[in-house]
N, C-alpha and C. Protein backbone atom coordinates (compact mmCIF):
# COMPACT_ATOMS: atom_id res chain seq x y z
N UNK A 1 0.94 -1.14 0.47
CA UNK A 1 0.08 -0.12 -0.12
C UNK A 1 0.90 1.07 -0.46
N UNK A 2 0.60 2.37 -0.64
CA UNK A 2 1.28 3.50 -0.87
C UNK A 2 1.45 4.49 0.24
N UNK A 3 2.79 4.88 0.52
CA UNK A 3 2.50 5.74 1.90
C UNK A 3 1.73 7.11 1.96
N UNK A 4 1.65 7.65 2.63
CA UNK A 4 0.62 8.94 2.78
C UNK A 4 1.13 9.76 1.24
N UNK A 5 0.07 9.51 0.73
CA UNK A 5 0.09 10.52 -0.54
C UNK A 5 1.05 10.10 -1.74
N UNK A 6 1.78 8.93 -1.26
CA UNK A 6 3.53 8.62 -2.50
C UNK A 6 2.65 7.54 -3.51
N UNK A 7 3.36 7.82 -4.79
CA UNK A 7 2.90 7.10 -5.56
C UNK A 7 3.36 5.68 -5.70
N UNK A 8 3.45 4.58 -5.56
CA UNK A 8 3.96 3.43 -5.41
C UNK A 8 4.56 3.33 -6.78
N UNK A 9 6.23 2.77 -7.02
CA UNK A 9 7.15 2.56 -8.19
C UNK A 9 6.14 2.11 -9.13
N UNK A 10 6.71 2.75 -10.53
CA UNK A 10 6.05 1.88 -11.59
C UNK A 10 4.83 2.71 -12.05
N UNK A 11 4.50 3.24 -11.31
CA UNK A 11 2.82 3.83 -11.56
C UNK A 11 3.23 5.52 -12.49
N UNK A 12 2.51 5.67 -13.33
CA UNK A 12 2.77 6.31 -14.34
C UNK A 12 2.38 8.20 -13.79
N UNK A 13 2.93 9.07 -14.49
CA UNK A 13 2.41 10.25 -14.26
C UNK A 13 1.37 10.66 -14.01
N UNK A 14 0.20 10.00 -14.46
CA UNK A 14 -1.12 10.53 -14.47
C UNK A 14 -1.92 10.00 -13.48
N UNK A 15 -1.11 9.28 -12.55
CA UNK A 15 -2.06 8.84 -11.32
C UNK A 15 -1.50 9.76 -9.77
N UNK A 16 -0.71 10.68 -9.79
CA UNK A 16 -0.20 11.11 -8.58
C UNK A 16 -1.30 11.96 -7.83
N UNK A 17 -2.43 12.70 -8.74
CA UNK A 17 -3.62 13.24 -7.80
C UNK A 17 -4.50 12.07 -7.20
N UNK A 18 -4.76 11.26 -7.63
CA UNK A 18 -5.69 9.92 -6.90
C UNK A 18 -5.09 9.61 -5.52
N UNK A 19 -3.69 9.21 -5.42
CA UNK A 19 -2.99 9.00 -4.64
C UNK A 19 -2.91 10.07 -3.52
N UNK A 20 -2.69 11.57 -4.20
CA UNK A 20 -2.38 12.13 -2.80
C UNK A 20 -3.84 12.47 -2.21
N UNK A 21 -5.39 12.26 -3.02
CA UNK A 21 -6.32 12.78 -2.26
C UNK A 21 -6.93 11.54 -1.54
N UNK A 22 -6.51 10.18 -2.15
CA UNK A 22 -6.96 9.07 -1.21
C UNK A 22 -5.62 8.12 -0.74
N UNK A 23 -4.72 8.48 0.04
CA UNK A 23 -3.50 8.10 0.54
C UNK A 23 -3.65 6.45 0.41
N UNK A 24 -4.52 5.85 1.22
CA UNK A 24 -4.66 4.44 1.38
C UNK A 24 -5.10 3.72 -0.14
N UNK A 25 -5.46 4.27 -1.15
CA UNK A 25 -5.87 3.66 -2.60
C UNK A 25 -5.18 2.64 -3.04
N UNK A 26 -5.79 1.48 -3.30
CA UNK A 26 -5.27 0.20 -3.69
C UNK A 26 -6.10 -0.56 -4.65
N UNK A 27 -5.74 -1.77 -5.19
CA UNK A 27 -6.34 -2.48 -6.00
C UNK A 27 -7.06 -3.30 -5.13
N UNK A 28 -8.31 -3.57 -5.76
CA UNK A 28 -9.39 -4.40 -5.23
C UNK A 28 -9.25 -5.88 -4.98
N UNK A 29 -8.44 -6.03 -5.77
CA UNK A 29 -8.35 -7.52 -6.03
C UNK A 29 -6.53 -7.60 -6.52
N UNK A 30 -6.17 -8.99 -6.48
CA UNK A 30 -4.70 -8.93 -7.38
C UNK A 30 -4.69 -8.64 -8.46
N UNK A 31 -3.45 -8.00 -8.96
CA UNK A 31 -3.54 -7.88 -10.18
C UNK A 31 -3.29 -8.54 -11.34
N UNK A 32 -3.31 -9.72 -11.04
CA UNK A 32 -3.01 -10.84 -11.88
C UNK A 32 -4.67 -11.13 -12.46
N UNK A 33 -5.29 -10.73 -11.64
CA UNK A 33 -6.83 -10.88 -12.15
C UNK A 33 -7.35 -9.60 -12.73
N UNK A 34 -6.63 -8.78 -13.09
CA UNK A 34 -7.13 -7.60 -13.93
C UNK A 34 -7.37 -8.25 -15.54
N UNK A 35 -7.96 -7.66 -16.33
CA UNK A 35 -8.44 -8.30 -17.73
C UNK A 35 -8.17 -7.07 -18.39
N UNK A 36 -7.32 -7.36 -19.35
CA UNK A 36 -6.85 -6.53 -20.58
C UNK A 36 -7.84 -6.40 -21.99
N UNK A 37 -8.22 -5.16 -22.37
CA UNK A 37 -9.11 -5.06 -23.61
C UNK A 37 -8.07 -5.75 -24.60
N UNK A 38 -8.94 -6.34 -25.68
CA UNK A 38 -7.73 -6.98 -26.57
C UNK A 38 -7.22 -5.70 -27.62
N UNK A 39 -6.48 -5.24 -27.42
CA UNK A 39 -6.32 -4.07 -28.17
C UNK A 39 -4.73 -4.00 -28.44
N UNK A 40 -4.30 -3.93 -29.44
CA UNK A 40 -2.95 -4.39 -29.56
C UNK A 40 -1.86 -3.31 -29.37
N UNK A 41 -2.43 -1.54 -29.75
CA UNK A 41 -1.67 -1.05 -29.35
C UNK A 41 -1.75 0.03 -27.86
N UNK A 42 -2.77 -0.42 -26.94
CA UNK A 42 -3.20 0.33 -26.11
C UNK A 42 -2.94 -0.83 -24.60
N UNK A 43 -2.77 -0.38 -23.74
CA UNK A 43 -2.74 -1.57 -22.48
C UNK A 43 -3.95 -1.06 -21.70
N UNK A 44 -5.34 -0.88 -22.03
CA UNK A 44 -6.97 -0.78 -21.57
C UNK A 44 -6.91 -1.93 -20.70
N UNK A 45 -7.79 -1.49 -19.48
CA UNK A 45 -8.31 -2.87 -18.83
C UNK A 45 -10.20 -2.56 -19.07
N UNK A 46 -10.21 -3.57 -18.80
CA UNK A 46 -11.89 -3.43 -18.91
C UNK A 46 -12.45 -2.73 -17.68
N UNK A 47 -12.01 -3.04 -16.29
CA UNK A 47 -11.98 -2.31 -15.50
C UNK A 47 -10.93 -2.23 -14.29
N UNK A 48 -11.22 -1.15 -13.77
CA UNK A 48 -9.94 -1.23 -12.41
C UNK A 48 -10.67 -1.10 -11.26
N UNK A 49 -10.70 -2.06 -10.35
CA UNK A 49 -11.58 -1.64 -8.94
C UNK A 49 -10.30 -1.45 -7.98
N UNK A 50 -11.02 -0.66 -7.32
CA UNK A 50 -9.85 -0.10 -6.35
C UNK A 50 -10.81 -0.09 -4.86
N UNK A 51 -9.91 0.04 -3.86
CA UNK A 51 -9.98 0.42 -2.42
C UNK A 51 -9.59 2.08 -2.44
N UNK A 52 -10.28 2.76 -1.91
CA UNK A 52 -9.96 4.05 -1.34
C UNK A 52 -9.23 4.15 -0.19
N UNK A 53 -9.32 2.80 0.83
CA UNK A 53 -8.87 2.99 1.91
C UNK A 53 -9.24 3.74 2.99
N UNK A 54 -9.08 4.09 4.23
CA UNK A 54 -9.68 4.82 5.56
C UNK A 54 -9.28 5.16 6.07
């Protein structure tokens, strides 16, 4: 889990704001269970379930 407002290693620059607003932000399921859309040029997910922490 990220440290207070810290973005975990490997996360792109588009995500600092959600991590700053929700310091306990975490995946709601194992990363191995995320399903990618079948698009060759992008790494899109069907869904990204998260826990906001608390």
